[in-house]
């Protein structure tokens, strides 16, 4: 016994930053950004906190599932960093929702949602839970170098959530990690100890774009193929592909190497940018609320990110 997705939700900040606005403070243009990334705009936190995003996404998912906070047996939050160092963001959300279940965070970077699903699967396999809330949220604008046009155009803020219940919707899932601190990283930043001998670095994202591109395309192709094979399916059986919304060029390059029609891919990068771990649950919710999924559909997903980590899965849509 594993799980099925019974509810989805999302939340993004109200403020929308366009490419035109970015071009007022770094040397870039709307045309340059769209051609290289597929992004037109992104949502950026001004008044909202990451907790605001998480709680709203969670409430939307719970409402969609018809589950109350008191019926939850576990809350997992995938995030690079929550509002506080401690307690975990999941514990903060638990308090705000009025739930009483165990709660903890995991950091799988952009693959965090997939890592969280696999962790949740273990709890279902041991018959420890009936309903699990998985939230993915990142406030990347807080760790973006807004003077670096190669990175500041890429990222946005957001949160997505799903409610999982006992079922057979998960058909396969696979995680990988290849330790690497050179290609994509963000230093911790703070250092309050007078005894610590290592210098502090600015806590902003650093990225080697060409290396990330090669890793991402290869990982997406390999991950989707493996997920489909492990599910005992063929590419023809897949109804929808939800790739990590990192860069449209990455998605297009990988799609060209996969025998799956372009119309089966779910894209929302143009309006949100790369929202890290929250990309996939946000795309799931958007497609769900738009009525694009029907019961019995097979959905393949693949994420890749700092770590270097990947996660891929095939899920059967069991929601009516």
Protein backbone atom coordinates (compact mmCIF):
# COMPACT_ATOMS: atom_id res chain seq x y z
CA UNK A 1 0.00 0.00 0.00
CA UNK A 2 1.32 3.40 -0.96
CA UNK A 3 -0.48 6.69 -1.55
CA UNK A 4 -2.66 8.60 -3.97
CA UNK A 5 -2.88 12.38 -4.33
CA UNK A 6 -6.31 13.50 -3.12
CA UNK A 7 -5.83 17.27 -2.97
CA UNK A 8 -3.62 20.03 -4.34
CA UNK A 9 -3.01 23.69 -3.54
CA UNK A 10 -0.65 26.56 -4.28
CA UNK A 11 0.12 30.12 -3.28
CA UNK A 12 2.34 32.82 -4.78
CA UNK A 13 3.07 36.38 -3.63
CA UNK A 14 0.85 39.15 -4.97
CA UNK A 15 3.70 41.19 -6.41
CA UNK A 16 4.65 40.33 -10.00
CA UNK A 17 8.09 41.33 -11.25
CA UNK A 18 8.26 41.56 -15.03
CA UNK A 19 11.29 41.22 -17.26
CA UNK A 20 10.95 44.88 -18.08
CA UNK A 21 11.38 45.79 -14.42
CA UNK A 22 14.50 43.64 -14.12
CA UNK A 23 15.95 45.40 -17.14
CA UNK A 24 15.84 48.68 -15.18
CA UNK A 25 18.50 47.53 -12.72
CA UNK A 26 20.64 44.95 -14.60
CA UNK A 27 21.88 44.88 -18.19
CA UNK A 28 19.22 42.69 -19.80
CA UNK A 29 15.94 42.88 -21.72
CA UNK A 30 12.61 41.16 -21.96
CA UNK A 31 13.62 39.64 -25.30
CA UNK A 32 16.94 38.35 -23.92
CA UNK A 33 15.28 36.71 -20.90
CA UNK A 34 12.42 35.14 -22.85
CA UNK A 35 14.70 33.71 -25.54
CA UNK A 36 17.07 32.13 -23.03
CA UNK A 37 14.70 31.03 -20.29
CA UNK A 38 11.07 31.18 -21.44
CA UNK A 39 10.26 33.38 -18.43
CA UNK A 40 8.09 36.50 -18.76
CA UNK A 41 7.45 37.28 -15.10
CA UNK A 42 7.80 35.91 -11.59
CA UNK A 43 6.14 36.46 -8.19
CA UNK A 44 8.31 38.05 -5.49
CA UNK A 45 7.66 38.30 -1.74
CA UNK A 46 7.23 41.82 -0.42
CA UNK A 47 4.62 41.66 2.32
CA UNK A 48 4.29 37.87 2.51
CA UNK A 49 6.52 35.52 4.49
CA UNK A 50 7.35 31.96 3.47
CA UNK A 51 4.98 30.85 6.23
CA UNK A 52 2.15 32.82 4.64
CA UNK A 53 2.75 31.00 1.36
CA UNK A 54 2.99 27.58 3.01
CA UNK A 55 -0.14 27.98 5.12
CA UNK A 56 -2.27 29.23 2.24
CA UNK A 57 -1.09 26.46 -0.11
CA UNK A 58 -1.72 23.90 2.64
CA UNK A 59 -5.22 25.18 3.36
CA UNK A 60 -6.07 25.10 -0.35
CA UNK A 61 -4.83 21.51 -0.64
CA UNK A 62 -6.73 20.41 2.45
CA UNK A 63 -9.93 22.00 1.16
CA UNK A 64 -9.47 20.30 -2.20
CA UNK A 65 -8.98 16.95 -0.44
CA UNK A 66 -11.83 17.38 2.01
CA UNK A 67 -9.42 16.69 4.90
CA UNK A 68 -9.20 18.71 8.13
CA UNK A 69 -5.90 19.60 9.81
CA UNK A 70 -6.88 17.37 12.73
CA UNK A 71 -7.02 14.37 10.36
CA UNK A 72 -3.39 14.77 9.31
CA UNK A 73 -0.89 12.18 10.53
CA UNK A 74 2.24 13.89 9.22
CA UNK A 75 3.42 17.18 7.68
CA UNK A 76 6.57 17.33 5.55
CA UNK A 77 7.90 20.61 4.19
CA UNK A 78 10.50 20.63 1.42
CA UNK A 79 12.41 23.90 1.54
CA UNK A 80 15.92 25.31 1.24
CA UNK A 81 15.27 27.20 4.44
CA UNK A 82 12.19 28.06 6.41
CA UNK A 83 11.34 31.31 8.15
CA UNK A 84 13.46 30.31 11.16
CA UNK A 85 16.53 28.13 11.67
CA UNK A 86 14.49 26.33 14.31
CA UNK A 87 11.74 25.28 14.67
CA UNK A 88 11.19 23.74 11.26
CA UNK A 89 8.87 25.37 8.77
CA UNK A 90 6.65 22.28 8.98
CA UNK A 91 6.23 22.82 12.73
CA UNK A 92 5.34 26.47 12.17
CA UNK A 93 2.72 25.41 9.60
CA UNK A 94 1.40 22.75 11.97
CA UNK A 95 0.80 25.44 14.60
CA UNK A 96 -0.90 27.79 12.13
CA UNK A 97 -3.18 25.03 10.83
CA UNK A 98 -4.06 23.73 14.28
CA UNK A 99 -2.82 20.22 13.47
CA UNK A 100 -1.30 17.92 16.10
CA UNK A 101 0.76 15.48 14.01
CA UNK A 102 4.55 15.11 13.68
CA UNK A 103 6.15 17.64 11.33
CA UNK A 104 9.61 18.14 9.86
CA UNK A 105 11.51 19.76 6.96
CA UNK A 106 13.75 18.25 4.30
CA UNK A 107 16.18 20.01 1.96
CA UNK A 108 16.51 18.41 -1.46
CA UNK A 109 16.81 21.79 -3.21
CA UNK A 110 14.76 21.80 -6.45
CA UNK A 111 14.23 18.03 -6.08
CA UNK A 112 12.81 18.52 -2.59
CA UNK A 113 9.19 17.76 -3.47
CA UNK A 114 10.19 14.44 -4.99
CA UNK A 115 12.32 13.61 -1.95
CA UNK A 116 9.37 14.45 0.29
CA UNK A 117 7.05 12.14 -1.67
CA UNK A 118 9.52 9.28 -1.29
CA UNK A 119 9.83 9.90 2.45
CA UNK A 120 6.03 9.96 2.74
CA UNK A 121 5.86 6.67 0.83
CA UNK A 122 7.96 5.05 3.57
CA UNK A 123 5.45 6.10 6.23
CA UNK A 124 2.58 4.66 4.18
CA UNK A 125 4.53 1.44 3.57
CA UNK A 126 4.92 0.97 7.35
CA UNK A 127 1.21 1.68 7.85
CA UNK A 128 2.07 4.62 10.12
CA UNK A 129 -0.17 7.20 8.41
CA UNK A 130 -3.49 7.66 6.65
CA UNK A 131 -3.24 11.30 5.56
CA UNK A 132 -0.04 13.24 4.88
CA UNK A 133 0.41 16.90 3.94
CA UNK A 134 3.45 17.58 1.75
CA UNK A 135 4.37 21.23 1.23
CA UNK A 136 7.14 22.60 -0.96
CA UNK A 137 8.09 26.26 -0.62
CA UNK A 138 11.01 28.51 -1.34
CA UNK A 139 11.62 32.24 -1.01
CA UNK A 140 14.47 32.39 -3.52
CA UNK A 141 14.29 36.17 -3.86
CA UNK A 142 15.90 36.35 -0.41
CA UNK A 143 19.03 34.53 -1.61
CA UNK A 144 19.25 35.90 -5.14
CA UNK A 145 22.07 38.20 -6.19
CA UNK A 146 20.02 40.97 -7.80
CA UNK A 147 23.13 42.38 -9.51
CA UNK A 148 23.83 39.14 -11.40
CA UNK A 149 21.74 38.98 -14.57
CA UNK A 150 22.65 35.32 -15.18
CA UNK A 151 20.75 34.23 -12.05
CA UNK A 152 18.37 37.00 -10.96
CA UNK A 153 16.18 36.54 -14.05
CA UNK A 154 15.52 32.88 -13.29
CA UNK A 155 13.91 32.61 -9.89
CA UNK A 156 10.59 33.34 -8.23
CA UNK A 157 8.85 32.68 -4.91
CA UNK A 158 5.99 30.28 -4.30
CA UNK A 159 4.56 27.30 -2.49
CA UNK A 160 2.69 24.19 -3.57
CA UNK A 161 1.09 21.46 -1.49
CA UNK A 162 -0.52 18.06 -1.87
CA UNK A 163 -2.53 15.87 0.46
CA UNK A 164 -1.71 12.18 0.23
CA UNK A 165 -3.93 9.36 1.39
CA UNK A 166 -3.65 5.57 1.32
CA UNK A 167 -3.88 4.29 -2.23
CA UNK A 168 -2.04 2.87 -5.21
CA UNK A 169 -1.40 6.08 -7.12
CA UNK A 170 2.38 6.05 -6.78
CA UNK A 171 3.64 3.69 -9.47
CA UNK A 172 7.39 4.39 -9.24
CA UNK A 173 9.82 6.83 -7.69
CA UNK A 174 13.59 7.19 -7.85
CA UNK A 175 16.02 9.60 -6.19
CA UNK A 176 19.69 10.30 -6.87
CA UNK A 177 22.39 12.52 -5.41
CA UNK A 178 25.89 13.34 -6.57
CA UNK A 179 27.66 15.52 -4.04
CA UNK A 180 28.81 18.75 -5.66
CA UNK A 181 29.46 22.17 -4.10
CA UNK A 182 30.79 23.87 -7.23
CA UNK A 183 28.01 23.92 -9.83
CA UNK A 184 25.12 25.35 -7.82
CA UNK A 185 25.33 26.52 -4.22
CA UNK A 186 24.46 29.22 -1.69
CA UNK A 187 26.68 29.85 1.36
CA UNK A 188 25.06 29.91 4.77
CA UNK A 189 26.30 33.44 5.38
CA UNK A 190 25.99 34.12 9.07
CA UNK A 191 28.88 33.65 11.53
CA UNK A 192 28.43 34.93 15.07
CA UNK A 193 31.20 32.94 16.74
CA UNK A 194 34.38 34.89 17.65
CA UNK A 195 36.24 31.57 17.58
CA UNK A 196 35.32 30.43 14.06
CA UNK A 197 38.29 30.90 11.72
CA UNK A 198 36.54 30.62 8.35
CA UNK A 199 35.30 33.79 6.64
CA UNK A 200 31.60 34.38 6.05
CA UNK A 201 30.30 34.58 2.48
CA UNK A 202 27.26 36.38 1.15
CA UNK A 203 24.28 33.99 1.31
CA UNK A 204 23.38 34.26 -2.38
CA UNK A 205 22.99 31.69 -5.12
CA UNK A 206 26.02 30.90 -7.27
CA UNK A 207 25.50 28.92 -10.48
CA UNK A 208 27.60 27.56 -13.32
CA UNK A 209 24.95 27.79 -16.02
CA UNK A 210 26.50 25.55 -18.71
CA UNK A 211 27.20 22.76 -16.21
CA UNK A 212 23.70 22.98 -14.75
CA UNK A 213 22.24 22.83 -18.25
CA UNK A 214 24.15 19.63 -19.15
CA UNK A 215 23.28 17.97 -15.85
CA UNK A 216 19.62 18.95 -16.09
CA UNK A 217 19.01 17.74 -19.65
CA UNK A 218 20.74 14.40 -19.04
CA UNK A 219 18.99 13.93 -15.69
CA UNK A 220 15.55 14.69 -17.06
CA UNK A 221 15.87 12.24 -19.94
CA UNK A 222 17.33 9.48 -17.78
CA UNK A 223 14.93 10.09 -14.90
CA UNK A 224 11.73 10.05 -16.96
CA UNK A 225 12.81 6.93 -18.86
CA UNK A 226 13.60 5.10 -15.61
CA UNK A 227 10.39 6.18 -13.88
CA UNK A 228 8.29 4.93 -16.81
CA UNK A 229 10.18 1.62 -17.01
CA UNK A 230 10.00 1.03 -13.25
CA UNK A 231 6.25 1.66 -13.37
CA UNK A 232 5.91 -1.14 -15.92
CA UNK A 233 4.66 1.30 -18.53
CA UNK A 234 5.73 2.58 -21.94
CA UNK A 235 6.04 6.22 -23.07
CA UNK A 236 2.75 5.80 -24.94
CA UNK A 237 1.00 5.16 -21.61
CA UNK A 238 1.99 8.55 -20.19
CA UNK A 239 -0.74 11.20 -20.35
CA UNK A 240 1.16 14.14 -18.83
CA UNK A 241 4.78 15.13 -18.19
CA UNK A 242 5.54 17.62 -15.43
CA UNK A 243 9.21 18.62 -15.65
CA UNK A 244 10.97 20.88 -13.18
CA UNK A 245 10.29 24.41 -14.39
CA UNK A 246 13.90 25.62 -14.42
CA UNK A 247 14.41 26.84 -17.96
CA UNK A 248 12.38 26.29 -21.13
CA UNK A 249 15.56 25.48 -23.07
CA UNK A 250 16.32 22.61 -20.70
CA UNK A 251 12.81 21.24 -21.03
CA UNK A 252 12.81 21.54 -24.83
CA UNK A 253 16.25 19.89 -25.17
CA UNK A 254 15.22 16.97 -22.98
CA UNK A 255 11.82 16.63 -24.66
CA UNK A 256 13.54 16.31 -28.03
CA UNK A 257 15.27 13.19 -26.73
CA UNK A 258 12.09 11.58 -25.37
CA UNK A 259 9.41 9.79 -27.47
CA UNK A 260 6.54 11.69 -25.86
CA UNK A 261 4.49 14.33 -27.76
CA UNK A 262 5.13 17.94 -26.84
CA UNK A 263 1.45 18.55 -26.07
CA UNK A 264 1.69 16.22 -23.06
CA UNK A 265 4.13 18.54 -21.25
CA UNK A 266 2.90 20.88 -18.54
CA UNK A 267 4.49 24.35 -18.70
CA UNK A 268 4.00 27.26 -16.32
CA UNK A 269 7.52 28.70 -16.20
CA UNK A 270 6.52 31.80 -18.18
CA UNK A 271 4.53 33.24 -15.27
CA UNK A 272 6.39 31.88 -12.23
CA UNK A 273 10.03 31.30 -13.16
CA UNK A 274 11.97 28.67 -11.23
CA UNK A 275 10.36 28.34 -7.80
CA UNK A 276 12.66 25.51 -6.74
CA UNK A 277 10.95 22.64 -4.88
CA UNK A 278 7.52 24.22 -5.29
CA UNK A 279 7.56 24.08 -9.12
CA UNK A 280 5.99 20.63 -9.36
CA UNK A 281 3.20 20.86 -6.78
CA UNK A 282 2.31 24.30 -8.17
CA UNK A 283 2.10 22.84 -11.69
CA UNK A 284 0.09 19.88 -10.37
CA UNK A 285 -2.40 22.21 -8.72
CA UNK A 286 -2.68 24.49 -11.73
CA UNK A 287 -3.40 21.55 -14.03
CA UNK A 288 -5.75 19.94 -11.50
CA UNK A 289 -7.79 23.12 -11.01
CA UNK A 290 -7.92 23.63 -14.79
CA UNK A 291 -9.47 20.16 -15.20
CA UNK A 292 -6.59 18.78 -17.27
CA UNK A 293 -6.35 15.52 -15.35
CA UNK A 294 -8.89 12.73 -15.49
CA UNK A 295 -9.05 9.74 -13.20
CA UNK A 296 -6.65 7.03 -14.34
CA UNK A 297 -4.22 9.39 -16.10
CA UNK A 298 -0.52 8.61 -15.72
CA UNK A 299 1.68 11.58 -14.81
CA UNK A 300 5.48 11.43 -15.12
CA UNK A 301 7.50 13.95 -13.12
CA UNK A 302 11.19 14.77 -12.95
CA UNK A 303 13.16 17.32 -10.94
CA UNK A 304 16.84 18.22 -10.71
CA UNK A 305 18.75 20.68 -8.61
CA UNK A 306 21.57 21.62 -6.28
CA UNK A 307 23.20 18.73 -4.55
CA UNK A 308 23.33 17.62 -7.27
CA UNK A 309 20.00 15.86 -6.77
CA UNK A 310 17.31 14.37 -8.97
CA UNK A 311 13.93 12.83 -8.41
CA UNK A 312 11.58 11.16 -10.88
CA UNK A 313 8.25 9.40 -10.50
CA UNK A 314 5.13 8.15 -12.22
CA UNK A 315 1.83 8.75 -10.45
CA UNK A 316 -1.62 7.55 -11.48
CA UNK A 317 -4.20 10.28 -10.95
CA UNK A 318 -6.82 8.69 -8.69
CA UNK A 319 -8.73 11.82 -7.78
CA UNK A 320 -12.30 12.10 -9.08
